[in-house]
């Protein structure tokens, strides 16, 4: 469901190096059905789990951002509450509501 992925390797003003991947998702629109939303949600959950694994194995820290806004951190394999509760759990509840309210065929 992601539109594109773009790698970056930058040095900030303080000399800190940031290496990462920007993954763009399609913006919600009239196509946003429960099935499409569930696929986007599954992709994000997979990505978070993959980053947790890499972070834990290599002792890395990952910052997650959405729409130029910091979401939270994955540090040494542990996802903080901002991601697990503020992103994943909220999205899951919203998806359940969307599925309940979707017209039945």
N, C-alpha and C. Protein backbone atom coordinates (compact mmCIF):
# COMPACT_ATOMS: atom_id res chain seq x y z
N UNK A 1 0.82 -1.19 0.00
CA UNK A 1 0.00 0.00 0.00
C UNK A 1 0.86 1.26 0.00
N UNK A 2 2.12 1.10 0.40
CA UNK A 2 2.98 2.26 0.38
C UNK A 2 3.25 2.72 -1.05
N UNK A 3 3.33 4.02 -1.21
CA UNK A 3 3.53 4.58 -2.53
C UNK A 3 4.98 4.48 -2.97
N UNK A 4 5.89 4.85 -2.08
CA UNK A 4 7.30 4.82 -2.43
C UNK A 4 8.14 4.84 -1.15
N UNK A 5 9.38 4.41 -1.29
CA UNK A 5 10.33 4.47 -0.19
C UNK A 5 11.55 5.24 -0.67
N UNK A 6 12.10 6.04 0.20
CA UNK A 6 13.23 6.89 -0.17
C UNK A 6 14.24 6.88 0.98
N UNK A 7 15.48 6.52 0.69
CA UNK A 7 16.53 6.48 1.70
C UNK A 7 17.16 7.86 1.88
N UNK A 8 17.67 8.11 3.08
CA UNK A 8 18.41 9.35 3.31
C UNK A 8 19.60 9.07 4.22
N UNK A 9 20.62 9.88 4.08
CA UNK A 9 21.83 9.82 4.89
C UNK A 9 22.27 11.27 5.06
N UNK A 10 22.05 11.82 6.25
CA UNK A 10 22.27 13.24 6.47
C UNK A 10 23.11 13.47 7.73
N UNK A 11 23.77 14.59 7.76
CA UNK A 11 24.49 15.04 8.96
C UNK A 11 23.81 16.32 9.43
N UNK A 12 23.40 16.34 10.70
CA UNK A 12 22.71 17.53 11.20
C UNK A 12 23.71 18.61 11.60
N UNK A 13 23.22 19.75 12.06
CA UNK A 13 24.08 20.89 12.40
C UNK A 13 25.09 20.57 13.48
N UNK A 14 24.74 19.64 14.38
CA UNK A 14 25.63 19.28 15.48
C UNK A 14 26.61 18.16 15.11
N UNK A 15 26.56 17.72 13.85
CA UNK A 15 27.46 16.67 13.40
C UNK A 15 26.92 15.26 13.59
N UNK A 16 25.69 15.13 14.08
CA UNK A 16 25.09 13.81 14.25
C UNK A 16 24.62 13.25 12.92
N UNK A 17 24.90 12.01 12.70
CA UNK A 17 24.51 11.38 11.43
C UNK A 17 23.16 10.69 11.59
N UNK A 18 22.29 10.92 10.63
CA UNK A 18 20.98 10.28 10.59
C UNK A 18 20.86 9.52 9.28
N UNK A 19 20.58 8.25 9.41
CA UNK A 19 20.38 7.39 8.26
C UNK A 19 18.97 6.82 8.39
N UNK A 20 18.22 6.84 7.32
CA UNK A 20 16.87 6.34 7.46
C UNK A 20 16.18 6.07 6.14
N UNK A 21 14.93 5.76 6.27
CA UNK A 21 14.08 5.45 5.14
C UNK A 21 12.76 6.18 5.33
N UNK A 22 12.36 6.90 4.32
CA UNK A 22 11.07 7.56 4.33
C UNK A 22 10.14 6.73 3.47
N UNK A 23 9.02 6.33 4.05
CA UNK A 23 8.06 5.49 3.36
C UNK A 23 6.75 6.27 3.25
N UNK A 24 6.35 6.56 2.04
CA UNK A 24 5.13 7.34 1.82
C UNK A 24 3.93 6.42 1.65
N UNK A 25 2.84 6.77 2.28
CA UNK A 25 1.59 6.05 2.15
C UNK A 25 0.61 6.89 1.38
N UNK A 26 -0.29 6.25 0.69
CA UNK A 26 -1.34 6.98 -0.02
C UNK A 26 -2.21 7.70 0.98
N UNK A 27 -2.58 8.92 0.66
CA UNK A 27 -3.45 9.69 1.54
C UNK A 27 -4.85 9.11 1.52
N UNK A 28 -5.56 9.19 2.65
CA UNK A 28 -6.95 8.69 2.66
C UNK A 28 -7.79 9.42 1.63
N UNK A 29 -8.70 8.73 1.09
CA UNK A 29 -9.60 9.31 0.09
C UNK A 29 -10.85 8.46 -0.04
N UNK A 30 -11.57 8.62 -1.12
CA UNK A 30 -12.81 7.88 -1.28
C UNK A 30 -12.59 6.37 -1.39
N UNK A 31 -11.38 5.96 -1.71
CA UNK A 31 -11.06 4.53 -1.80
C UNK A 31 -10.83 3.90 -0.44
N UNK A 32 -10.79 4.69 0.63
CA UNK A 32 -10.46 4.19 1.96
C UNK A 32 -11.58 3.31 2.51
N UNK A 33 -11.51 2.07 2.15
CA UNK A 33 -12.46 1.08 2.63
C UNK A 33 -11.84 0.34 3.81
N UNK A 34 -12.63 -0.39 4.59
CA UNK A 34 -12.03 -1.16 5.68
C UNK A 34 -10.94 -2.12 5.18
N UNK A 35 -11.12 -2.71 4.00
CA UNK A 35 -10.11 -3.65 3.47
C UNK A 35 -8.80 -2.93 3.16
N UNK A 36 -8.88 -1.76 2.53
CA UNK A 36 -7.67 -0.99 2.21
C UNK A 36 -7.01 -0.51 3.49
N UNK A 37 -7.79 -0.03 4.42
CA UNK A 37 -7.25 0.46 5.69
C UNK A 37 -6.58 -0.68 6.47
N UNK A 38 -7.18 -1.87 6.44
CA UNK A 38 -6.60 -3.02 7.12
C UNK A 38 -5.24 -3.39 6.50
N UNK A 39 -5.13 -3.30 5.18
CA UNK A 39 -3.86 -3.58 4.52
C UNK A 39 -2.79 -2.56 4.91
N UNK A 40 -3.15 -1.28 4.96
CA UNK A 40 -2.19 -0.25 5.40
C UNK A 40 -1.75 -0.50 6.84
N UNK A 41 -2.71 -0.82 7.69
CA UNK A 41 -2.44 -1.09 9.10
C UNK A 41 -1.50 -2.30 9.24
N UNK A 42 -1.76 -3.36 8.47
CA UNK A 42 -0.91 -4.55 8.52
C UNK A 42 0.52 -4.22 8.08
N UNK A 43 0.65 -3.36 7.08
CA UNK A 43 1.97 -2.96 6.61
C UNK A 43 2.73 -2.19 7.69
N UNK A 44 2.05 -1.29 8.38
CA UNK A 44 2.70 -0.52 9.44
C UNK A 44 3.06 -1.42 10.61
N UNK A 45 2.18 -2.34 10.98
CA UNK A 45 2.50 -3.27 12.07
C UNK A 45 3.71 -4.12 11.72
N UNK A 46 3.78 -4.58 10.46
CA UNK A 46 4.93 -5.38 10.03
C UNK A 46 6.20 -4.54 10.11
N UNK A 47 6.13 -3.29 9.65
CA UNK A 47 7.30 -2.41 9.67
C UNK A 47 7.79 -2.18 11.09
N UNK A 48 6.88 -1.93 12.02
CA UNK A 48 7.27 -1.70 13.43
C UNK A 48 7.91 -2.97 13.99
N UNK A 49 7.34 -4.14 13.72
CA UNK A 49 7.91 -5.39 14.22
C UNK A 49 9.31 -5.63 13.64
N UNK A 50 9.49 -5.32 12.36
CA UNK A 50 10.79 -5.49 11.70
C UNK A 50 11.82 -4.55 12.33
N UNK A 51 11.43 -3.30 12.57
CA UNK A 51 12.36 -2.35 13.20
C UNK A 51 12.69 -2.76 14.63
N UNK A 52 11.72 -3.32 15.35
CA UNK A 52 11.99 -3.82 16.71
C UNK A 52 13.05 -4.92 16.67
N UNK A 53 12.92 -5.81 15.69
CA UNK A 53 13.87 -6.92 15.56
C UNK A 53 15.28 -6.40 15.27
N UNK A 54 15.39 -5.53 14.30
CA UNK A 54 16.70 -4.96 13.94
C UNK A 54 17.27 -4.17 15.11
N UNK A 55 16.44 -3.38 15.74
CA UNK A 55 16.87 -2.56 16.86
C UNK A 55 17.40 -3.42 18.00
N UNK A 56 16.67 -4.50 18.29
CA UNK A 56 17.09 -5.39 19.37
C UNK A 56 18.39 -6.12 19.05
N UNK A 57 18.51 -6.60 17.82
CA UNK A 57 19.71 -7.35 17.43
C UNK A 57 20.96 -6.48 17.38
N UNK A 58 20.80 -5.24 16.92
CA UNK A 58 21.96 -4.37 16.70
C UNK A 58 22.10 -3.24 17.71
N UNK A 59 21.15 -3.13 18.64
CA UNK A 59 21.21 -2.06 19.63
C UNK A 59 20.96 -0.68 19.05
N UNK A 60 20.18 -0.62 17.98
CA UNK A 60 19.92 0.65 17.31
C UNK A 60 18.69 1.35 17.86
N UNK A 61 18.60 2.63 17.57
CA UNK A 61 17.44 3.44 17.94
C UNK A 61 16.80 3.95 16.66
N UNK A 62 15.49 3.77 16.56
CA UNK A 62 14.73 4.27 15.42
C UNK A 62 13.70 5.28 15.90
N UNK A 63 13.58 6.36 15.16
CA UNK A 63 12.53 7.34 15.42
C UNK A 63 11.49 7.19 14.31
N UNK A 64 10.23 7.16 14.68
CA UNK A 64 9.16 7.11 13.69
C UNK A 64 8.49 8.47 13.62
N UNK A 65 8.26 8.91 12.39
CA UNK A 65 7.61 10.20 12.15
C UNK A 65 6.46 9.98 11.18
N UNK A 66 5.45 10.79 11.31
CA UNK A 66 4.34 10.76 10.36
C UNK A 66 3.93 12.19 10.07
N UNK A 67 3.87 12.53 8.80
CA UNK A 67 3.45 13.87 8.40
C UNK A 67 4.30 14.94 9.09
N UNK A 68 5.62 14.71 9.10
CA UNK A 68 6.60 15.62 9.72
C UNK A 68 6.38 15.79 11.22
N UNK A 69 5.80 14.79 11.86
CA UNK A 69 5.55 14.85 13.31
C UNK A 69 6.15 13.60 13.95
N UNK A 70 6.91 13.80 15.02
CA UNK A 70 7.49 12.66 15.73
C UNK A 70 6.39 11.81 16.35
N UNK A 71 6.46 10.50 16.11
CA UNK A 71 5.48 9.57 16.68
C UNK A 71 6.01 8.89 17.92
N UNK A 72 7.26 8.49 17.88
CA UNK A 72 7.84 7.77 19.01
C UNK A 72 9.13 7.10 18.61
N UNK A 73 9.59 6.21 19.50
CA UNK A 73 10.91 5.61 19.35
C UNK A 73 10.87 4.10 19.52
N UNK A 74 11.81 3.46 18.87
CA UNK A 74 12.09 2.05 19.11
C UNK A 74 13.54 2.01 19.55
N UNK A 75 13.76 1.61 20.80
CA UNK A 75 15.12 1.60 21.36
C UNK A 75 15.48 0.19 21.80
N UNK A 76 16.57 -0.34 21.22
CA UNK A 76 17.07 -1.65 21.58
C UNK A 76 15.97 -2.71 21.61
N UNK A 77 15.10 -2.65 20.60
CA UNK A 77 14.05 -3.65 20.44
C UNK A 77 12.75 -3.37 21.16
N UNK A 78 12.68 -2.25 21.88
CA UNK A 78 11.49 -1.94 22.66
C UNK A 78 10.80 -0.71 22.07
N UNK A 79 9.53 -0.88 21.73
CA UNK A 79 8.74 0.22 21.19
C UNK A 79 8.12 1.00 22.34
N UNK A 80 8.23 2.31 22.30
CA UNK A 80 7.66 3.11 23.39
C UNK A 80 6.14 3.19 23.27
N UNK A 81 5.50 3.68 24.34
CA UNK A 81 4.04 3.76 24.40
C UNK A 81 3.46 4.68 23.34
N UNK A 82 4.23 5.69 22.93
CA UNK A 82 3.72 6.62 21.92
C UNK A 82 3.41 5.88 20.62
N UNK A 83 4.20 4.86 20.31
CA UNK A 83 3.94 4.07 19.10
C UNK A 83 2.94 2.96 19.39
N UNK A 84 3.18 2.17 20.44
CA UNK A 84 2.31 1.03 20.69
C UNK A 84 0.90 1.45 21.10
N UNK A 85 0.77 2.49 21.89
CA UNK A 85 -0.56 2.95 22.33
C UNK A 85 -1.09 4.09 21.47
N UNK A 86 -0.22 5.04 21.15
CA UNK A 86 -0.66 6.23 20.44
C UNK A 86 -0.84 6.03 18.95
N UNK A 87 -0.19 5.05 18.36
CA UNK A 87 -0.34 4.79 16.93
C UNK A 87 -1.06 3.47 16.69
N UNK A 88 -0.46 2.37 17.11
CA UNK A 88 -0.99 1.05 16.80
C UNK A 88 -2.36 0.82 17.44
N UNK A 89 -2.48 1.02 18.74
CA UNK A 89 -3.74 0.74 19.42
C UNK A 89 -4.86 1.67 18.95
N UNK A 90 -4.54 2.96 18.76
CA UNK A 90 -5.55 3.91 18.29
C UNK A 90 -5.99 3.54 16.87
N UNK A 91 -5.05 3.21 16.01
CA UNK A 91 -5.38 2.84 14.63
C UNK A 91 -6.25 1.58 14.61
N UNK A 92 -5.89 0.62 15.47
CA UNK A 92 -6.67 -0.62 15.54
C UNK A 92 -8.11 -0.35 15.97
N UNK A 93 -8.28 0.51 16.97
CA UNK A 93 -9.65 0.86 17.41
C UNK A 93 -10.41 1.60 16.32
N UNK A 94 -9.73 2.52 15.62
CA UNK A 94 -10.37 3.24 14.51
C UNK A 94 -10.77 2.28 13.39
N UNK A 95 -9.92 1.31 13.13
CA UNK A 95 -10.21 0.32 12.09
C UNK A 95 -11.42 -0.54 12.49
N UNK A 96 -11.47 -0.95 13.73
CA UNK A 96 -12.62 -1.72 14.21
C UNK A 96 -13.91 -0.91 14.07
N UNK A 97 -13.86 0.38 14.39
CA UNK A 97 -15.03 1.24 14.26
C UNK A 97 -15.42 1.36 12.79
N UNK A 98 -14.44 1.57 11.92
CA UNK A 98 -14.70 1.69 10.49
C UNK A 98 -15.36 0.42 9.95
N UNK A 99 -14.88 -0.74 10.39
CA UNK A 99 -15.46 -2.00 9.94
C UNK A 99 -16.89 -2.18 10.45
N UNK A 100 -17.15 -1.75 11.69
CA UNK A 100 -18.52 -1.84 12.23
C UNK A 100 -19.48 -0.94 11.47
N UNK A 101 -19.00 0.25 11.09
CA UNK A 101 -19.87 1.23 10.45
C UNK A 101 -19.95 1.09 8.93
N UNK A 102 -19.12 0.22 8.35
CA UNK A 102 -19.12 0.06 6.89
C UNK A 102 -20.41 -0.61 6.43
N UNK A 103 -20.94 -0.16 5.31
CA UNK A 103 -22.14 -0.81 4.79
C UNK A 103 -21.85 -2.27 4.44
N UNK A 104 -22.81 -3.13 4.74
CA UNK A 104 -22.67 -4.56 4.44
C UNK A 104 -23.20 -4.84 3.06
N UNK A 105 -22.56 -5.75 2.36
CA UNK A 105 -23.01 -6.13 1.01
C UNK A 105 -23.78 -7.41 1.07
